């Protein structure tokens, strides 16, 4: 599974292990402010990862909501991103509530890295890993990998 933390300037990516049990930060993409352009770049990353031995079973995108659970401007931006991404991949794209994921990622990074600049460079990928881990932790059973799907993607 690929985890995605969408921002207007940076997109954090995280990847689960083959058993879809543990999420780890992967990388940060620097993108333009257009949601569609960011989705195209993530779709290119998906294509590369699908071609690897373990493949991908799906994508999990963090959905930003206010602390009270209401939508806001960034929610609309992310939903436009997801719509474009869904047009560019056959993989299922799931949404995962990302409230406080950046705060949690910053707290975890601060324990190991004292330099704010170094933490900031890794923050988006760390947030993506937290989003993905939250999704994985709430799944009722094991997720299929690309090799487990039939030719029609089921």
C-alpha atoms as a PDB file:
ATOM      1  CA  UNK A   1       0.000   0.000   0.000  1.00  0.00           C
ATOM      2  CA  UNK A   2       1.112   3.526  -0.761  1.00  0.00           C
ATOM      3  CA  UNK A   3       0.294   6.313   1.704  1.00  0.00           C
ATOM      4  CA  UNK A   4      -0.008   9.891   0.463  1.00  0.00           C
ATOM      5  CA  UNK A   5      -0.014  13.144   2.450  1.00  0.00           C
ATOM      6  CA  UNK A   6      -1.093  15.844  -0.018  1.00  0.00           C
ATOM      7  CA  UNK A   7       0.115  19.408   0.286  1.00  0.00           C
ATOM      8  CA  UNK A   8       0.172  22.248  -2.206  1.00  0.00           C
ATOM      9  CA  UNK A   9       3.986  22.325  -2.317  1.00  0.00           C
ATOM     10  CA  UNK A  10       5.037  18.919  -1.039  1.00  0.00           C
ATOM     11  CA  UNK A  11       3.498  15.457  -1.168  1.00  0.00           C
ATOM     12  CA  UNK A  12       4.696  12.908   1.348  1.00  0.00           C
ATOM     13  CA  UNK A  13       4.783   9.263   0.338  1.00  0.00           C
ATOM     14  CA  UNK A  14       4.969   6.185   2.539  1.00  0.00           C
ATOM     15  CA  UNK A  15       4.992   2.499   1.709  1.00  0.00           C
ATOM     16  CA  UNK A  16       3.800  -0.515   3.640  1.00  0.00           C
ATOM     17  CA  UNK A  17       5.644  -3.790   3.805  1.00  0.00           C
ATOM     18  CA  UNK A  18       4.439  -6.643   1.574  1.00  0.00           C
ATOM     19  CA  UNK A  19       2.139  -7.954   4.309  1.00  0.00           C
ATOM     20  CA  UNK A  20       0.458  -4.514   4.639  1.00  0.00           C
ATOM     21  CA  UNK A  21       1.300  -4.468   8.344  1.00  0.00           C
ATOM     22  CA  UNK A  22       3.907  -1.743   8.803  1.00  0.00           C
ATOM     23  CA  UNK A  23       4.159   1.669   7.103  1.00  0.00           C
ATOM     24  CA  UNK A  24       7.450   3.498   6.553  1.00  0.00           C
ATOM     25  CA  UNK A  25       8.232   6.919   5.082  1.00  0.00           C
ATOM     26  CA  UNK A  26       9.322   6.697   1.442  1.00  0.00           C
ATOM     27  CA  UNK A  27      10.036  10.160   0.013  1.00  0.00           C
ATOM     28  CA  UNK A  28       8.754  13.690  -0.479  1.00  0.00           C
ATOM     29  CA  UNK A  29       7.775  15.059  -3.884  1.00  0.00           C
ATOM     30  CA  UNK A  30       7.976  18.798  -4.531  1.00  0.00           C
ATOM     31  CA  UNK A  31       5.098  19.834  -6.787  1.00  0.00           C
ATOM     32  CA  UNK A  32       3.307  22.843  -8.207  1.00  0.00           C
ATOM     33  CA  UNK A  33       0.205  24.218  -6.527  1.00  0.00           C
ATOM     34  CA  UNK A  34      -2.135  22.469  -8.993  1.00  0.00           C
ATOM     35  CA  UNK A  35      -3.854  19.406  -7.529  1.00  0.00           C
ATOM     36  CA  UNK A  36      -3.965  17.763 -10.952  1.00  0.00           C
ATOM     37  CA  UNK A  37      -0.204  18.130 -11.464  1.00  0.00           C
ATOM     38  CA  UNK A  38       0.542  16.600  -8.079  1.00  0.00           C
ATOM     39  CA  UNK A  39      -1.785  13.692  -8.836  1.00  0.00           C
ATOM     40  CA  UNK A  40       0.018  13.079 -12.137  1.00  0.00           C
ATOM     41  CA  UNK A  41       3.361  12.888 -10.329  1.00  0.00           C
ATOM     42  CA  UNK A  42       1.949  10.482  -7.739  1.00  0.00           C
ATOM     43  CA  UNK A  43       0.432   8.364 -10.537  1.00  0.00           C
ATOM     44  CA  UNK A  44       3.921   8.119 -12.052  1.00  0.00           C
ATOM     45  CA  UNK A  45       5.276   6.923  -8.696  1.00  0.00           C
ATOM     46  CA  UNK A  46       2.445   4.378  -8.533  1.00  0.00           C
ATOM     47  CA  UNK A  47       3.357   3.039 -11.977  1.00  0.00           C
ATOM     48  CA  UNK A  48       6.971   2.531 -10.872  1.00  0.00           C
ATOM     49  CA  UNK A  49       5.939   0.812  -7.630  1.00  0.00           C
ATOM     50  CA  UNK A  50       3.407  -1.416  -9.422  1.00  0.00           C
ATOM     51  CA  UNK A  51       6.211  -2.689 -11.619  1.00  0.00           C
ATOM     52  CA  UNK A  52       8.288  -3.830  -8.660  1.00  0.00           C
ATOM     53  CA  UNK A  53       8.211  -7.380  -7.343  1.00  0.00           C
ATOM     54  CA  UNK A  54       5.694  -6.805  -4.517  1.00  0.00           C
ATOM     55  CA  UNK A  55       3.489  -4.426  -6.539  1.00  0.00           C
ATOM     56  CA  UNK A  56       0.785  -2.359  -4.869  1.00  0.00           C
ATOM     57  CA  UNK A  57      -2.646  -3.279  -3.542  1.00  0.00           C
ATOM     58  CA  UNK A  58      -3.915   0.293  -3.280  1.00  0.00           C
ATOM     59  CA  UNK A  59      -3.378   3.892  -2.301  1.00  0.00           C
ATOM     60  CA  UNK A  60      -4.369   5.675   0.900  1.00  0.00           C
ATOM     61  CA  UNK A  61      -4.692   9.459   0.765  1.00  0.00           C
ATOM     62  CA  UNK A  62      -4.973  11.542   3.907  1.00  0.00           C
ATOM     63  CA  UNK A  63      -8.191  13.544   4.074  1.00  0.00           C
ATOM     64  CA  UNK A  64      -7.724  16.827   5.943  1.00  0.00           C
ATOM     65  CA  UNK A  65     -10.610  17.763   8.203  1.00  0.00           C
ATOM     66  CA  UNK A  66     -10.900  20.321  10.962  1.00  0.00           C
ATOM     67  CA  UNK A  67     -10.638  19.048  14.530  1.00  0.00           C
ATOM     68  CA  UNK A  68     -14.444  19.099  14.675  1.00  0.00           C
ATOM     69  CA  UNK A  69     -14.591  16.901  11.554  1.00  0.00           C
ATOM     70  CA  UNK A  70     -15.723  19.582   9.121  1.00  0.00           C
ATOM     71  CA  UNK A  71     -14.316  20.140   5.652  1.00  0.00           C
ATOM     72  CA  UNK A  72     -12.290  23.215   4.689  1.00  0.00           C
ATOM     73  CA  UNK A  73     -10.311  24.610   1.730  1.00  0.00           C
ATOM     74  CA  UNK A  74      -7.561  21.975   1.907  1.00  0.00           C
ATOM     75  CA  UNK A  75     -10.222  19.217   1.946  1.00  0.00           C
ATOM     76  CA  UNK A  76     -11.540  20.476  -1.390  1.00  0.00           C
ATOM     77  CA  UNK A  77      -7.992  20.575  -2.787  1.00  0.00           C
ATOM     78  CA  UNK A  78      -7.306  16.976  -1.697  1.00  0.00           C
ATOM     79  CA  UNK A  79     -10.620  15.721  -3.107  1.00  0.00           C
ATOM     80  CA  UNK A  80      -9.703  17.253  -6.492  1.00  0.00           C
ATOM     81  CA  UNK A  81      -6.309  15.540  -6.216  1.00  0.00           C
ATOM     82  CA  UNK A  82      -7.999  12.185  -5.462  1.00  0.00           C
ATOM     83  CA  UNK A  83     -10.400  12.548  -8.397  1.00  0.00           C
ATOM     84  CA  UNK A  84      -7.495  13.096 -10.804  1.00  0.00           C
ATOM     85  CA  UNK A  85      -5.523  10.241  -9.243  1.00  0.00           C
ATOM     86  CA  UNK A  86      -8.475   7.847  -9.613  1.00  0.00           C
ATOM     87  CA  UNK A  87      -8.595   8.696 -13.329  1.00  0.00           C
ATOM     88  CA  UNK A  88      -4.915   7.748 -13.677  1.00  0.00           C
ATOM     89  CA  UNK A  89      -4.744   4.420 -11.832  1.00  0.00           C
ATOM     90  CA  UNK A  90      -6.815   1.271 -11.631  1.00  0.00           C
ATOM     91  CA  UNK A  91      -5.786   0.728  -8.015  1.00  0.00           C
ATOM     92  CA  UNK A  92      -8.329   1.470  -5.310  1.00  0.00           C
ATOM     93  CA  UNK A  93      -7.763   4.899  -3.746  1.00  0.00           C
ATOM     94  CA  UNK A  94      -8.914   5.093  -0.134  1.00  0.00           C
ATOM     95  CA  UNK A  95      -9.383   8.186   2.013  1.00  0.00           C
ATOM     96  CA  UNK A  96      -8.128   8.229   5.599  1.00  0.00           C
ATOM     97  CA  UNK A  97      -8.826  10.934   8.188  1.00  0.00           C
ATOM     98  CA  UNK A  98      -5.485  12.655   8.756  1.00  0.00           C
ATOM     99  CA  UNK A  99      -6.340  14.870  11.722  1.00  0.00           C
ATOM    100  CA  UNK A 100      -3.258  15.500  13.858  1.00  0.00           C
ATOM    101  CA  UNK A 101      -0.996  13.319  11.665  1.00  0.00           C
ATOM    102  CA  UNK A 102       1.463  16.176  11.039  1.00  0.00           C
ATOM    103  CA  UNK A 103       1.546  16.987  14.750  1.00  0.00           C
ATOM    104  CA  UNK A 104       2.233  13.340  15.605  1.00  0.00           C
ATOM    105  CA  UNK A 105       4.909  13.079  12.897  1.00  0.00           C
ATOM    106  CA  UNK A 106       6.617  16.258  14.161  1.00  0.00           C
ATOM    107  CA  UNK A 107       6.581  14.907  17.733  1.00  0.00           C
ATOM    108  CA  UNK A 108       8.120  11.605  16.681  1.00  0.00           C
ATOM    109  CA  UNK A 109      10.771  13.236  14.503  1.00  0.00           C
ATOM    110  CA  UNK A 110      11.687  15.723  17.263  1.00  0.00           C
ATOM    111  CA  UNK A 111      12.595  12.827  19.557  1.00  0.00           C
ATOM    112  CA  UNK A 112      15.324  11.655  17.153  1.00  0.00           C
ATOM    113  CA  UNK A 113      16.282  14.770  15.191  1.00  0.00           C
ATOM    114  CA  UNK A 114      17.085  18.057  16.909  1.00  0.00           C
ATOM    115  CA  UNK A 115      17.552  20.080  13.706  1.00  0.00           C
ATOM    116  CA  UNK A 116      14.259  21.703  12.696  1.00  0.00           C
ATOM    117  CA  UNK A 117      15.374  21.952   9.045  1.00  0.00           C
ATOM    118  CA  UNK A 118      16.113  18.226   8.837  1.00  0.00           C
ATOM    119  CA  UNK A 119      12.797  17.398  10.512  1.00  0.00           C
ATOM    120  CA  UNK A 120      10.905  19.644   8.097  1.00  0.00           C
ATOM    121  CA  UNK A 121      12.482  17.887   5.097  1.00  0.00           C
ATOM    122  CA  UNK A 122      11.182  14.537   6.354  1.00  0.00           C
ATOM    123  CA  UNK A 123       7.872  15.663   7.897  1.00  0.00           C
ATOM    124  CA  UNK A 124       5.570  15.030   4.919  1.00  0.00           C
ATOM    125  CA  UNK A 125       6.794  11.466   4.362  1.00  0.00           C
ATOM    126  CA  UNK A 126       6.530  10.786   8.099  1.00  0.00           C
ATOM    127  CA  UNK A 127       2.953  12.134   8.064  1.00  0.00           C
ATOM    128  CA  UNK A 128       2.149   9.872   5.098  1.00  0.00           C
ATOM    129  CA  UNK A 129       3.463   6.901   7.093  1.00  0.00           C
ATOM    130  CA  UNK A 130       1.200   7.774  10.036  1.00  0.00           C
ATOM    131  CA  UNK A 131      -1.818   8.122   7.731  1.00  0.00           C
ATOM    132  CA  UNK A 132      -1.050   4.791   6.089  1.00  0.00           C
ATOM    133  CA  UNK A 133      -0.413   3.058   9.423  1.00  0.00           C
ATOM    134  CA  UNK A 134      -3.760   4.317  10.772  1.00  0.00           C
ATOM    135  CA  UNK A 135      -5.469   2.868   7.697  1.00  0.00           C
ATOM    136  CA  UNK A 136      -3.650  -0.477   7.994  1.00  0.00           C
ATOM    137  CA  UNK A 137      -4.418  -0.738  11.706  1.00  0.00           C
ATOM    138  CA  UNK A 138      -8.152  -0.400  11.061  1.00  0.00           C
ATOM    139  CA  UNK A 139      -8.453  -3.057   8.362  1.00  0.00           C
ATOM    140  CA  UNK A 140     -10.375  -6.187   9.391  1.00  0.00           C
ATOM    141  CA  UNK A 141      -8.051  -8.623   7.612  1.00  0.00           C
ATOM    142  CA  UNK A 142      -4.948  -8.840   5.477  1.00  0.00           C
ATOM    143  CA  UNK A 143      -4.892  -6.743   2.322  1.00  0.00           C
ATOM    144  CA  UNK A 144      -4.159  -8.388  -1.021  1.00  0.00           C
ATOM    145  CA  UNK A 145      -0.976  -7.540  -2.882  1.00  0.00           C
ATOM    146  CA  UNK A 146      -0.865  -6.997  -6.627  1.00  0.00           C
ATOM    147  CA  UNK A 147       0.261 -10.595  -7.123  1.00  0.00           C
ATOM    148  CA  UNK A 148      -2.848 -11.860  -5.313  1.00  0.00           C
ATOM    149  CA  UNK A 149      -5.324 -10.091  -7.597  1.00  0.00           C
ATOM    150  CA  UNK A 150      -6.912 -11.757 -10.562  1.00  0.00           C
ATOM    151  CA  UNK A 151      -6.361 -10.186 -14.036  1.00  0.00           C
ATOM    152  CA  UNK A 152      -9.410  -7.937 -13.585  1.00  0.00           C
ATOM    153  CA  UNK A 153      -7.878  -6.349 -10.445  1.00  0.00           C
ATOM    154  CA  UNK A 154     -10.134  -8.035  -7.847  1.00  0.00           C
END
